[in-house]
Amino acid sequence: MKEEQYRLVTDFFSTTKTRTNTVKALHDVLPLIMIVFYPLQLMCLLINNGFKSESFLKMLIVPLFVLILVTIMRHIFNAKRPYEVYDYTPVVEKDTKGKSFPSRHTASAFIIAMGFLYINLEIGIVMLALAGAIGITRVVSGVHFIRDVIAGAAIGIVFGLLGFFLI
């Protein structure tokens, strides 16, 4: 999106309290759902399959690897955020400078969703939809460029396919 489009989107979601509160709630709550269900899945795998089971180890190591990789990439690229480039106030309060590319929330959501897909197809599909919604909220809230979210999703999906299904 270009500057005018970011301004239109943020203006649209900032003009009414209902829209603003909805975007803020989705921005904050959707990642929390992942944060709750991921450790629960790890505990279930640990209890049911044991510490050395392949499914537990993959569900633990693959997302950790992606989190570290994306964190390093963000430091290397140190890309500015849309509100820095276009000088506007995002819908959600955010004052972080740089470290926009790739979106760590989106990458984390997609890699966790891929882990769920590996464990259970139906739950995995729901989690992939949730991961997509997390990515969308990062853009409409004005804290990430579309490229940041697409890169985060691609990293999560590619490393999910490699780590969970191919290796």
C-alpha atoms as a PDB file:
ATOM      1  CA  MET A   1       0.000   0.000   0.000  1.00  0.00           C
ATOM      2  CA  LYS A   2       1.072   3.536  -0.591  1.00  0.00           C
ATOM      3  CA  GLU A   3       0.955   6.434   1.838  1.00  0.00           C
ATOM      4  CA  GLU A   4      -2.520   7.540   0.806  1.00  0.00           C
ATOM      5  CA  GLN A   5      -3.885   4.023   1.233  1.00  0.00           C
ATOM      6  CA  TYR A   6      -2.354   3.660   4.716  1.00  0.00           C
ATOM      7  CA  ARG A   7      -3.852   6.976   5.720  1.00  0.00           C
ATOM      8  CA  LEU A   8      -7.276   5.937   4.370  1.00  0.00           C
ATOM      9  CA  VAL A   9      -7.177   2.622   6.222  1.00  0.00           C
ATOM     10  CA  THR A  10      -6.009   4.094   9.521  1.00  0.00           C
ATOM     11  CA  ASP A  11      -8.450   6.998   9.189  1.00  0.00           C
ATOM     12  CA  PHE A  12     -11.294   4.538   8.538  1.00  0.00           C
ATOM     13  CA  PHE A  13     -10.497   2.509  11.646  1.00  0.00           C
ATOM     14  CA  SER A  14      -9.753   5.573  13.768  1.00  0.00           C
ATOM     15  CA  THR A  15     -12.911   7.566  12.992  1.00  0.00           C
ATOM     16  CA  THR A  16     -15.237   5.681  15.335  1.00  0.00           C
ATOM     17  CA  LYS A  17     -14.603   4.295  18.762  1.00  0.00           C
ATOM     18  CA  THR A  18     -16.183   0.965  17.784  1.00  0.00           C
ATOM     19  CA  ARG A  19     -13.845   0.463  14.828  1.00  0.00           C
ATOM     20  CA  THR A  20     -10.805   1.540  16.813  1.00  0.00           C
ATOM     21  CA  ASN A  21     -11.656  -0.723  19.728  1.00  0.00           C
ATOM     22  CA  THR A  22     -12.352  -3.649  17.393  1.00  0.00           C
ATOM     23  CA  VAL A  23      -8.979  -3.332  15.657  1.00  0.00           C
ATOM     24  CA  LYS A  24      -7.193  -2.883  18.978  1.00  0.00           C
ATOM     25  CA  ALA A  25      -8.941  -5.923  20.446  1.00  0.00           C
ATOM     26  CA  LEU A  26      -8.162  -8.117  17.442  1.00  0.00           C
ATOM     27  CA  HIS A  27      -4.571  -6.833  17.358  1.00  0.00           C
ATOM     28  CA  ASP A  28      -4.094  -7.798  21.006  1.00  0.00           C
ATOM     29  CA  VAL A  29      -6.357 -10.830  21.471  1.00  0.00           C
ATOM     30  CA  LEU A  30      -5.619 -12.916  18.368  1.00  0.00           C
ATOM     31  CA  PRO A  31      -1.934 -13.403  19.257  1.00  0.00           C
ATOM     32  CA  LEU A  32      -2.977 -14.281  22.814  1.00  0.00           C
ATOM     33  CA  ILE A  33      -5.014 -17.179  21.467  1.00  0.00           C
ATOM     34  CA  MET A  34      -1.824 -18.571  19.916  1.00  0.00           C
ATOM     35  CA  ILE A  35       0.095 -17.889  23.118  1.00  0.00           C
ATOM     36  CA  VAL A  36      -2.454 -19.917  25.101  1.00  0.00           C
ATOM     37  CA  PHE A  37      -2.948 -22.848  22.724  1.00  0.00           C
ATOM     38  CA  TYR A  38       0.699 -23.379  21.787  1.00  0.00           C
ATOM     39  CA  PRO A  39       1.923 -24.283  25.312  1.00  0.00           C
ATOM     40  CA  LEU A  40      -1.232 -26.333  25.863  1.00  0.00           C
ATOM     41  CA  GLN A  41      -0.399 -28.336  22.740  1.00  0.00           C
ATOM     42  CA  LEU A  42       3.178 -28.774  23.965  1.00  0.00           C
ATOM     43  CA  MET A  43       1.929 -30.032  27.324  1.00  0.00           C
ATOM     44  CA  CYS A  44      -0.482 -32.479  25.658  1.00  0.00           C
ATOM     45  CA  LEU A  45       2.290 -33.809  23.442  1.00  0.00           C
ATOM     46  CA  LEU A  46       4.612 -34.114  26.415  1.00  0.00           C
ATOM     47  CA  ILE A  47       2.039 -35.949  28.526  1.00  0.00           C
ATOM     48  CA  ASN A  48       0.789 -38.214  25.731  1.00  0.00           C
ATOM     49  CA  ASN A  49       4.002 -38.882  23.798  1.00  0.00           C
ATOM     50  CA  GLY A  50       6.878 -38.089  26.121  1.00  0.00           C
ATOM     51  CA  PHE A  51       9.787 -35.662  26.107  1.00  0.00           C
ATOM     52  CA  LYS A  52      11.734 -37.454  23.385  1.00  0.00           C
ATOM     53  CA  SER A  53       8.842 -37.920  20.967  1.00  0.00           C
ATOM     54  CA  GLU A  54       9.330 -36.577  17.470  1.00  0.00           C
ATOM     55  CA  SER A  55       6.087 -34.560  17.555  1.00  0.00           C
ATOM     56  CA  PHE A  56       6.985 -32.858  20.858  1.00  0.00           C
ATOM     57  CA  LEU A  57      10.532 -32.061  19.763  1.00  0.00           C
ATOM     58  CA  LYS A  58       9.412 -30.680  16.407  1.00  0.00           C
ATOM     59  CA  MET A  59       6.676 -28.574  18.028  1.00  0.00           C
ATOM     60  CA  LEU A  60       9.272 -27.166  20.409  1.00  0.00           C
ATOM     61  CA  ILE A  61      12.327 -26.698  18.165  1.00  0.00           C
ATOM     62  CA  VAL A  62      10.863 -25.581  14.815  1.00  0.00           C
ATOM     63  CA  PRO A  63       8.942 -22.542  16.175  1.00  0.00           C
ATOM     64  CA  LEU A  64      11.927 -21.603  18.351  1.00  0.00           C
ATOM     65  CA  PHE A  65      14.200 -21.706  15.299  1.00  0.00           C
ATOM     66  CA  VAL A  66      11.814 -19.475  13.325  1.00  0.00           C
ATOM     67  CA  LEU A  67      11.494 -17.007  16.206  1.00  0.00           C
ATOM     68  CA  ILE A  68      15.280 -16.689  16.429  1.00  0.00           C
ATOM     69  CA  LEU A  69      15.659 -16.443  12.638  1.00  0.00           C
ATOM     70  CA  VAL A  70      13.029 -13.704  12.301  1.00  0.00           C
ATOM     71  CA  THR A  71      14.454 -11.771  15.258  1.00  0.00           C
ATOM     72  CA  ILE A  72      17.907 -11.807  13.633  1.00  0.00           C
ATOM     73  CA  MET A  73      16.436 -10.774  10.271  1.00  0.00           C
ATOM     74  CA  ARG A  74      14.611  -7.842  11.887  1.00  0.00           C
ATOM     75  CA  HIS A  75      17.867  -6.602  13.398  1.00  0.00           C
ATOM     76  CA  ILE A  76      19.734  -6.986  10.114  1.00  0.00           C
ATOM     77  CA  PHE A  77      17.126  -5.233   7.952  1.00  0.00           C
ATOM     78  CA  ASN A  78      15.916  -2.800  10.632  1.00  0.00           C
ATOM     79  CA  ALA A  79      13.161  -1.693   8.227  1.00  0.00           C
ATOM     80  CA  LYS A  80      11.046   1.266   9.218  1.00  0.00           C
ATOM     81  CA  ARG A  81       7.401   0.819  10.069  1.00  0.00           C
ATOM     82  CA  PRO A  82       4.607   2.439   8.037  1.00  0.00           C
ATOM     83  CA  TYR A  83       3.942   5.093  10.682  1.00  0.00           C
ATOM     84  CA  GLU A  84       7.627   6.040  10.595  1.00  0.00           C
ATOM     85  CA  VAL A  85       7.778   6.274   6.813  1.00  0.00           C
ATOM     86  CA  TYR A  86       4.450   8.066   6.344  1.00  0.00           C
ATOM     87  CA  ASP A  87       4.362   9.977   9.642  1.00  0.00           C
ATOM     88  CA  TYR A  88       0.898   9.078  10.926  1.00  0.00           C
ATOM     89  CA  THR A  89      -0.508   7.674  14.132  1.00  0.00           C
ATOM     90  CA  PRO A  90      -1.290   3.952  13.912  1.00  0.00           C
ATOM     91  CA  VAL A  91      -4.660   2.675  15.147  1.00  0.00           C
ATOM     92  CA  VAL A  92      -2.954   0.851  18.025  1.00  0.00           C
ATOM     93  CA  GLU A  93      -0.442   2.564  20.272  1.00  0.00           C
ATOM     94  CA  LYS A  94       2.991   1.699  18.989  1.00  0.00           C
ATOM     95  CA  ASP A  95       6.214   3.642  19.157  1.00  0.00           C
ATOM     96  CA  THR A  96       8.725   0.988  18.149  1.00  0.00           C
ATOM     97  CA  LYS A  97      11.262   2.280  15.672  1.00  0.00           C
ATOM     98  CA  GLY A  98      12.373  -0.030  12.900  1.00  0.00           C
ATOM     99  CA  LYS A  99      12.460  -3.822  13.099  1.00  0.00           C
ATOM    100  CA  SER A 100       9.365  -4.100  10.933  1.00  0.00           C
ATOM    101  CA  PHE A 101      10.541  -6.678   8.385  1.00  0.00           C
ATOM    102  CA  PRO A 102       9.493  -9.455   8.650  1.00  0.00           C
ATOM    103  CA  SER A 103       6.511  -9.415  10.998  1.00  0.00           C
ATOM    104  CA  ARG A 104       7.474 -11.544  13.981  1.00  0.00           C
ATOM    105  CA  HIS A 105       3.864 -11.923  15.129  1.00  0.00           C
ATOM    106  CA  THR A 106       2.855 -13.207  11.697  1.00  0.00           C
ATOM    107  CA  ALA A 107       5.826 -15.552  11.337  1.00  0.00           C
ATOM    108  CA  SER A 108       5.235 -16.947  14.825  1.00  0.00           C
ATOM    109  CA  ALA A 109       1.523 -17.403  14.201  1.00  0.00           C
ATOM    110  CA  PHE A 110       2.110 -19.234  10.927  1.00  0.00           C
ATOM    111  CA  ILE A 111       4.841 -21.519  12.244  1.00  0.00           C
ATOM    112  CA  ILE A 112       2.673 -22.459  15.227  1.00  0.00           C
ATOM    113  CA  ALA A 113      -0.289 -23.002  12.902  1.00  0.00           C
ATOM    114  CA  MET A 114       1.876 -25.268  10.738  1.00  0.00           C
ATOM    115  CA  GLY A 115       2.749 -27.230  13.870  1.00  0.00           C
ATOM    116  CA  PHE A 116      -0.938 -27.659  14.635  1.00  0.00           C
ATOM    117  CA  LEU A 117      -1.491 -28.727  11.025  1.00  0.00           C
ATOM    118  CA  TYR A 118       1.206 -31.372  11.516  1.00  0.00           C
ATOM    119  CA  ILE A 119      -0.552 -32.668  14.633  1.00  0.00           C
ATOM    120  CA  ASN A 120      -4.214 -32.326  13.543  1.00  0.00           C
ATOM    121  CA  LEU A 121      -5.523 -31.249  10.130  1.00  0.00           C
ATOM    122  CA  GLU A 122      -8.776 -29.650  11.303  1.00  0.00           C
ATOM    123  CA  ILE A 123      -7.236 -27.663  14.156  1.00  0.00           C
ATOM    124  CA  GLY A 124      -4.336 -26.730  11.878  1.00  0.00           C
ATOM    125  CA  ILE A 125      -6.693 -25.217   9.301  1.00  0.00           C
ATOM    126  CA  VAL A 126      -8.412 -23.158  12.005  1.00  0.00           C
ATOM    127  CA  MET A 127      -5.033 -22.000  13.306  1.00  0.00           C
ATOM    128  CA  LEU A 128      -3.882 -21.063   9.777  1.00  0.00           C
ATOM    129  CA  ALA A 129      -7.008 -18.903   9.421  1.00  0.00           C
ATOM    130  CA  LEU A 130      -6.213 -17.332  12.794  1.00  0.00           C
ATOM    131  CA  ALA A 131      -2.620 -16.705  11.662  1.00  0.00           C
ATOM    132  CA  GLY A 132      -3.938 -14.988   8.534  1.00  0.00           C
ATOM    133  CA  ALA A 133      -6.186 -12.800  10.682  1.00  0.00           C
ATOM    134  CA  ILE A 134      -3.197 -11.883  12.854  1.00  0.00           C
ATOM    135  CA  GLY A 135      -1.297 -10.794   9.752  1.00  0.00           C
ATOM    136  CA  ILE A 136      -4.228  -8.716   8.506  1.00  0.00           C
ATOM    137  CA  THR A 137      -4.573  -6.929  11.846  1.00  0.00           C
ATOM    138  CA  ARG A 138      -0.887  -5.972  11.733  1.00  0.00           C
ATOM    139  CA  VAL A 139      -1.524  -4.125   8.459  1.00  0.00           C
ATOM    140  CA  VAL A 140      -4.907  -2.523   9.216  1.00  0.00           C
ATOM    141  CA  SER A 141      -3.655  -1.349  12.592  1.00  0.00           C
ATOM    142  CA  GLY A 142      -0.887   0.466  10.735  1.00  0.00           C
ATOM    143  CA  VAL A 143       2.127  -1.173  12.390  1.00  0.00           C
ATOM    144  CA  HIS A 144       3.375  -3.282   9.457  1.00  0.00           C
ATOM    145  CA  PHE A 145       3.642  -3.042   5.716  1.00  0.00           C
ATOM    146  CA  ILE A 146       1.987  -5.772   3.660  1.00  0.00           C
ATOM    147  CA  ARG A 147       5.463  -6.994   2.654  1.00  0.00           C
ATOM    148  CA  ASP A 148       6.341  -7.507   6.343  1.00  0.00           C
ATOM    149  CA  VAL A 149       3.302  -9.704   6.860  1.00  0.00           C
ATOM    150  CA  ILE A 150       3.735 -11.642   3.608  1.00  0.00           C
ATOM    151  CA  ALA A 151       7.387 -12.309   4.453  1.00  0.00           C
ATOM    152  CA  GLY A 152       6.451 -13.434   7.973  1.00  0.00           C
ATOM    153  CA  ALA A 153       3.742 -15.747   6.627  1.00  0.00           C
ATOM    154  CA  ALA A 154       6.076 -17.157   3.964  1.00  0.00           C
ATOM    155  CA  ILE A 155       8.802 -17.855   6.527  1.00  0.00           C
ATOM    156  CA  GLY A 156       6.316 -19.581   8.815  1.00  0.00           C
ATOM    157  CA  ILE A 157       4.849 -21.704   6.017  1.00  0.00           C
ATOM    158  CA  VAL A 158       8.158 -22.629   4.347  1.00  0.00           C
ATOM    159  CA  PHE A 159       9.913 -23.548   7.580  1.00  0.00           C
ATOM    160  CA  GLY A 160       6.754 -25.289   8.751  1.00  0.00           C
ATOM    161  CA  LEU A 161       6.719 -27.454   5.649  1.00  0.00           C
ATOM    162  CA  LEU A 162      10.434 -28.177   6.012  1.00  0.00           C
ATOM    163  CA  GLY A 163      10.521 -28.669   9.772  1.00  0.00           C
ATOM    164  CA  PHE A 164       7.273 -30.526  10.307  1.00  0.00           C
ATOM    165  CA  PHE A 165       6.601 -32.407   7.089  1.00  0.00           C
ATOM    166  CA  LEU A 166       9.886 -32.910   5.202  1.00  0.00           C
ATOM    167  CA  ILE A 167      12.564 -33.364   7.863  1.00  0.00           C
END
